[in-house]
N, C-alpha and C. Protein backbone atom coordinates (compact mmCIF):
# COMPACT_ATOMS: atom_id res chain seq x y z
N MET A 1 84.69 -42.04 -45.07
CA MET A 1 83.77 -41.09 -44.49
C MET A 1 84.51 -39.77 -44.27
N LEU A 2 83.87 -38.68 -44.60
CA LEU A 2 84.43 -37.37 -44.33
C LEU A 2 84.42 -37.11 -42.84
N ARG A 3 85.35 -36.31 -42.40
CA ARG A 3 85.40 -36.01 -40.97
C ARG A 3 84.17 -35.22 -40.57
N PRO A 4 83.40 -35.73 -39.63
CA PRO A 4 82.22 -34.98 -39.18
C PRO A 4 82.64 -33.86 -38.23
N SER A 5 81.92 -32.77 -38.27
CA SER A 5 82.21 -31.68 -37.34
C SER A 5 81.58 -32.00 -35.99
N SER A 6 82.06 -31.35 -34.97
CA SER A 6 81.53 -31.62 -33.64
C SER A 6 80.06 -31.23 -33.55
N THR A 7 79.64 -30.23 -34.31
CA THR A 7 78.23 -29.83 -34.27
C THR A 7 77.32 -30.88 -34.88
N GLN A 8 77.86 -31.69 -35.79
CA GLN A 8 77.06 -32.77 -36.36
C GLN A 8 76.88 -33.92 -35.37
N ILE A 9 77.83 -34.10 -34.48
CA ILE A 9 77.79 -35.20 -33.53
C ILE A 9 77.03 -34.83 -32.27
N LEU A 10 77.24 -33.60 -31.78
CA LEU A 10 76.63 -33.17 -30.52
C LEU A 10 75.15 -32.90 -30.68
N LYS A 11 74.39 -33.33 -29.68
CA LYS A 11 72.94 -33.13 -29.68
C LYS A 11 72.50 -32.65 -28.30
N ASN A 12 71.37 -32.02 -28.23
CA ASN A 12 70.73 -31.63 -26.97
C ASN A 12 71.64 -30.84 -26.04
N GLY A 13 72.42 -29.94 -26.56
CA GLY A 13 73.25 -29.08 -25.73
C GLY A 13 74.44 -29.76 -25.10
N GLU A 14 74.88 -30.88 -25.64
CA GLU A 14 76.06 -31.56 -25.10
C GLU A 14 77.29 -30.68 -25.35
N SER A 15 78.24 -30.77 -24.47
CA SER A 15 79.42 -29.91 -24.60
C SER A 15 80.51 -30.59 -25.43
N ARG A 16 81.34 -29.77 -26.03
CA ARG A 16 82.47 -30.30 -26.80
C ARG A 16 83.44 -31.04 -25.89
N TYR A 17 83.57 -30.55 -24.66
CA TYR A 17 84.44 -31.20 -23.69
C TYR A 17 83.97 -32.65 -23.48
N SER A 18 82.68 -32.85 -23.35
CA SER A 18 82.13 -34.20 -23.16
C SER A 18 82.43 -35.08 -24.37
N LEU A 19 82.36 -34.51 -25.56
CA LEU A 19 82.67 -35.26 -26.77
C LEU A 19 84.14 -35.69 -26.77
N VAL A 20 85.03 -34.78 -26.40
CA VAL A 20 86.46 -35.10 -26.38
C VAL A 20 86.73 -36.22 -25.38
N ILE A 21 86.15 -36.13 -24.20
CA ILE A 21 86.35 -37.17 -23.18
C ILE A 21 85.78 -38.50 -23.66
N ALA A 22 84.58 -38.49 -24.23
CA ALA A 22 83.95 -39.72 -24.69
C ALA A 22 84.75 -40.37 -25.82
N VAL A 23 85.23 -39.58 -26.75
CA VAL A 23 86.03 -40.12 -27.86
C VAL A 23 87.34 -40.70 -27.33
N ALA A 24 87.97 -40.02 -26.38
CA ALA A 24 89.22 -40.52 -25.81
C ALA A 24 89.00 -41.85 -25.09
N ARG A 25 87.92 -41.94 -24.34
CA ARG A 25 87.62 -43.19 -23.62
C ARG A 25 87.33 -44.33 -24.60
N ARG A 26 86.57 -44.03 -25.63
CA ARG A 26 86.25 -45.07 -26.62
C ARG A 26 87.50 -45.49 -27.38
N ALA A 27 88.36 -44.55 -27.72
CA ALA A 27 89.61 -44.88 -28.41
C ALA A 27 90.47 -45.78 -27.54
N ARG A 28 90.50 -45.51 -26.23
CA ARG A 28 91.25 -46.36 -25.30
C ARG A 28 90.66 -47.76 -25.26
N GLU A 29 89.33 -47.86 -25.27
CA GLU A 29 88.68 -49.18 -25.29
C GLU A 29 89.06 -49.95 -26.55
N ILE A 30 89.09 -49.26 -27.67
CA ILE A 30 89.45 -49.90 -28.94
C ILE A 30 90.88 -50.43 -28.88
N MET A 31 91.79 -49.61 -28.36
CA MET A 31 93.19 -50.04 -28.26
C MET A 31 93.35 -51.19 -27.27
N ASP A 32 92.67 -51.12 -26.13
CA ASP A 32 92.76 -52.21 -25.14
C ASP A 32 92.24 -53.52 -25.71
N GLN A 33 91.13 -53.45 -26.44
CA GLN A 33 90.56 -54.65 -27.05
C GLN A 33 91.51 -55.23 -28.09
N ALA A 34 92.11 -54.38 -28.89
CA ALA A 34 93.06 -54.84 -29.91
C ALA A 34 94.29 -55.46 -29.25
N PHE A 35 94.73 -54.89 -28.13
CA PHE A 35 95.89 -55.42 -27.42
C PHE A 35 95.58 -56.79 -26.83
N GLU A 36 94.40 -56.92 -26.21
CA GLU A 36 94.00 -58.20 -25.61
C GLU A 36 93.87 -59.29 -26.66
N GLU A 37 93.34 -58.94 -27.81
CA GLU A 37 93.15 -59.92 -28.88
C GLU A 37 94.40 -60.08 -29.74
N LYS A 38 95.44 -59.29 -29.44
CA LYS A 38 96.70 -59.31 -30.19
C LYS A 38 96.48 -59.09 -31.68
N VAL A 39 95.62 -58.12 -31.98
CA VAL A 39 95.30 -57.76 -33.35
C VAL A 39 95.77 -56.33 -33.59
N PRO A 40 96.60 -56.11 -34.60
CA PRO A 40 97.03 -54.73 -34.86
C PRO A 40 95.87 -53.89 -35.42
N THR A 41 95.82 -52.65 -35.00
CA THR A 41 94.79 -51.75 -35.53
C THR A 41 95.31 -51.15 -36.82
N GLU A 42 94.51 -51.21 -37.84
CA GLU A 42 94.91 -50.68 -39.15
C GLU A 42 94.52 -49.23 -39.31
N GLU A 43 93.62 -48.76 -38.46
CA GLU A 43 93.14 -47.39 -38.54
C GLU A 43 93.38 -46.72 -37.19
N ASN A 44 93.51 -45.43 -37.20
CA ASN A 44 93.71 -44.68 -35.97
C ASN A 44 92.51 -44.88 -35.05
N PRO A 45 92.72 -45.29 -33.78
CA PRO A 45 91.60 -45.53 -32.88
C PRO A 45 90.76 -44.29 -32.59
N VAL A 46 91.37 -43.12 -32.60
CA VAL A 46 90.59 -41.89 -32.38
C VAL A 46 89.64 -41.66 -33.55
N LYS A 47 90.14 -41.87 -34.76
CA LYS A 47 89.29 -41.73 -35.94
C LYS A 47 88.14 -42.73 -35.89
N MET A 48 88.44 -43.96 -35.49
CA MET A 48 87.40 -44.98 -35.38
C MET A 48 86.35 -44.57 -34.36
N ALA A 49 86.78 -44.03 -33.24
CA ALA A 49 85.85 -43.61 -32.19
C ALA A 49 84.96 -42.45 -32.66
N VAL A 50 85.55 -41.48 -33.33
CA VAL A 50 84.76 -40.34 -33.84
C VAL A 50 83.71 -40.84 -34.83
N GLU A 51 84.10 -41.74 -35.71
CA GLU A 51 83.16 -42.28 -36.69
C GLU A 51 82.03 -43.05 -36.01
N GLN A 52 82.34 -43.77 -34.94
CA GLN A 52 81.30 -44.50 -34.22
C GLN A 52 80.31 -43.54 -33.57
N PHE A 53 80.79 -42.44 -33.01
CA PHE A 53 79.87 -41.45 -32.45
C PHE A 53 79.06 -40.78 -33.55
N ALA A 54 79.66 -40.52 -34.69
CA ALA A 54 78.95 -39.89 -35.80
C ALA A 54 77.84 -40.80 -36.34
N ARG A 55 78.07 -42.11 -36.31
CA ARG A 55 77.06 -43.07 -36.78
C ARG A 55 76.06 -43.45 -35.68
N ASN A 56 76.15 -42.77 -34.55
CA ASN A 56 75.26 -43.02 -33.40
C ASN A 56 75.37 -44.43 -32.84
N GLU A 57 76.53 -45.06 -32.98
CA GLU A 57 76.76 -46.36 -32.37
C GLU A 57 77.01 -46.20 -30.88
N TYR A 58 77.49 -45.03 -30.48
CA TYR A 58 77.73 -44.70 -29.08
C TYR A 58 77.14 -43.34 -28.82
N ARG A 59 76.74 -43.13 -27.56
CA ARG A 59 76.16 -41.85 -27.17
C ARG A 59 76.94 -41.26 -26.01
N ILE A 60 76.86 -39.96 -25.87
CA ILE A 60 77.48 -39.26 -24.76
C ILE A 60 76.43 -39.15 -23.66
N ILE A 61 76.80 -39.62 -22.48
CA ILE A 61 75.91 -39.50 -21.33
C ILE A 61 76.60 -38.61 -20.32
N GLU A 62 76.02 -37.43 -20.12
CA GLU A 62 76.60 -36.46 -19.20
C GLU A 62 75.92 -36.57 -17.84
N ASP A 63 76.69 -36.36 -16.80
CA ASP A 63 76.17 -36.34 -15.44
C ASP A 63 75.67 -34.93 -15.16
N PRO A 64 74.35 -34.76 -14.99
CA PRO A 64 73.82 -33.40 -14.79
C PRO A 64 74.35 -32.71 -13.53
N SER A 65 74.79 -33.47 -12.55
CA SER A 65 75.28 -32.86 -11.33
C SER A 65 76.64 -32.19 -11.53
N LEU A 66 77.32 -32.50 -12.65
CA LEU A 66 78.62 -31.91 -12.90
C LEU A 66 78.56 -30.63 -13.74
N LYS A 67 77.38 -30.29 -14.24
CA LYS A 67 77.24 -29.07 -15.05
C LYS A 67 77.30 -27.83 -14.17
N LYS A 68 77.83 -26.74 -14.77
CA LYS A 68 77.88 -25.46 -14.05
C LYS A 68 76.48 -24.93 -13.89
N LYS A 69 76.29 -24.20 -12.81
CA LYS A 69 74.98 -23.60 -12.55
C LYS A 69 74.98 -22.16 -12.95
């Protein structure tokens, strides 16, 4: 898969900062799961997380109370 741009992944005015945080959290989940199962990851977990967001397997949920006014 070609690297998707952030504009292809972001929808409804979501911020790039939220995307970065969400991808980092998902990448950490991938690594933790691989560690628990004692399975080596063959692909970069950040790349895997970005691809999952691009395929809409995961969504970004922003807390509206944290947005600037």
